[in-house]
Amino acid sequence: MHLICISFNFYPQRTVTPAGARRSSITSDFLAEENRREKELERILDRRIADLKTNTDYIVQKYT
């Protein structure tokens, strides 16, 4: 016969973070998300500018 011992921690230790640390974390998360969005928008705009340049070159060659 095998006995299985399971222990539960009924009193988990709580970690308390100061309000300043939490605010700093929220701020850094927000800035990281804004930077990600900025890079994505820049990538989209660069791709659109390249498409416009390609189309413009095609039209200029077609009518000259």
Protein backbone atom coordinates (compact mmCIF):
# COMPACT_ATOMS: atom_id res chain seq x y z
CA MET A 1 0.00 0.00 0.00
CA HIS A 2 1.35 3.43 -1.00
CA LEU A 3 0.57 6.59 0.87
CA ILE A 4 0.41 9.87 -0.96
CA CYS A 5 1.14 12.95 1.05
CA ILE A 6 -0.20 16.22 -0.24
CA SER A 7 0.52 19.39 1.62
CA PHE A 8 -1.30 22.64 1.14
CA ASN A 9 -0.06 26.01 2.11
CA PHE A 10 -3.14 27.54 3.69
CA TYR A 11 -1.29 30.70 4.56
CA PRO A 12 0.52 31.77 1.40
CA GLN A 13 2.92 34.62 1.81
CA ARG A 14 1.70 37.72 0.12
CA THR A 15 4.10 39.97 -1.64
CA VAL A 16 3.20 43.57 -1.21
CA THR A 17 4.47 45.98 -3.82
CA PRO A 18 4.64 49.65 -3.07
CA ALA A 19 2.27 51.85 -5.05
CA GLY A 20 5.23 53.52 -6.75
CA ALA A 21 6.56 50.19 -8.03
CA ARG A 22 3.15 49.25 -9.40
CA ARG A 23 2.76 52.64 -11.07
CA SER A 24 6.23 52.33 -12.56
CA SER A 25 5.39 48.88 -13.91
CA ILE A 26 2.15 50.13 -15.47
CA THR A 27 4.01 53.06 -17.02
CA SER A 28 6.73 50.85 -18.47
CA ASP A 29 4.12 48.43 -19.85
CA PHE A 30 2.28 51.33 -21.47
CA LEU A 31 5.46 52.73 -23.01
CA ALA A 32 6.48 49.30 -24.31
CA GLU A 33 3.08 48.90 -25.97
CA GLU A 34 3.29 52.40 -27.47
CA ASN A 35 6.76 51.61 -28.86
CA ARG A 36 5.45 48.39 -30.38
CA ARG A 37 2.56 50.24 -32.01
CA GLU A 38 4.90 52.97 -33.26
CA LYS A 39 7.17 50.40 -34.94
CA GLU A 40 4.19 48.62 -36.48
CA LEU A 41 2.77 51.89 -37.85
CA GLU A 42 6.19 52.87 -39.20
CA ARG A 43 6.47 49.49 -40.93
CA ILE A 44 3.01 49.90 -42.50
CA LEU A 45 3.79 53.44 -43.67
CA ASP A 46 7.14 52.40 -45.14
CA ARG A 47 5.45 49.60 -47.05
CA ARG A 48 2.75 51.99 -48.33
CA ILE A 49 5.35 54.56 -49.42
CA ALA A 50 7.25 51.84 -51.29
CA ASP A 51 4.02 50.76 -53.03
CA LEU A 52 3.25 54.36 -54.03
CA LYS A 53 6.77 54.81 -55.39
CA THR A 54 6.50 51.60 -57.41
CA ASN A 55 3.12 52.61 -58.83
CA THR A 56 4.35 56.13 -59.62
CA ASP A 57 7.40 54.75 -61.44
CA TYR A 58 5.15 52.42 -63.44
CA ILE A 59 2.77 55.25 -64.44
CA VAL A 60 5.65 57.56 -65.40
CA GLN A 61 7.20 54.85 -67.58
CA LYS A 62 3.84 54.02 -69.15
CA TYR A 63 3.06 57.58 -70.25
CA THR A 64 6.52 58.85 -71.23
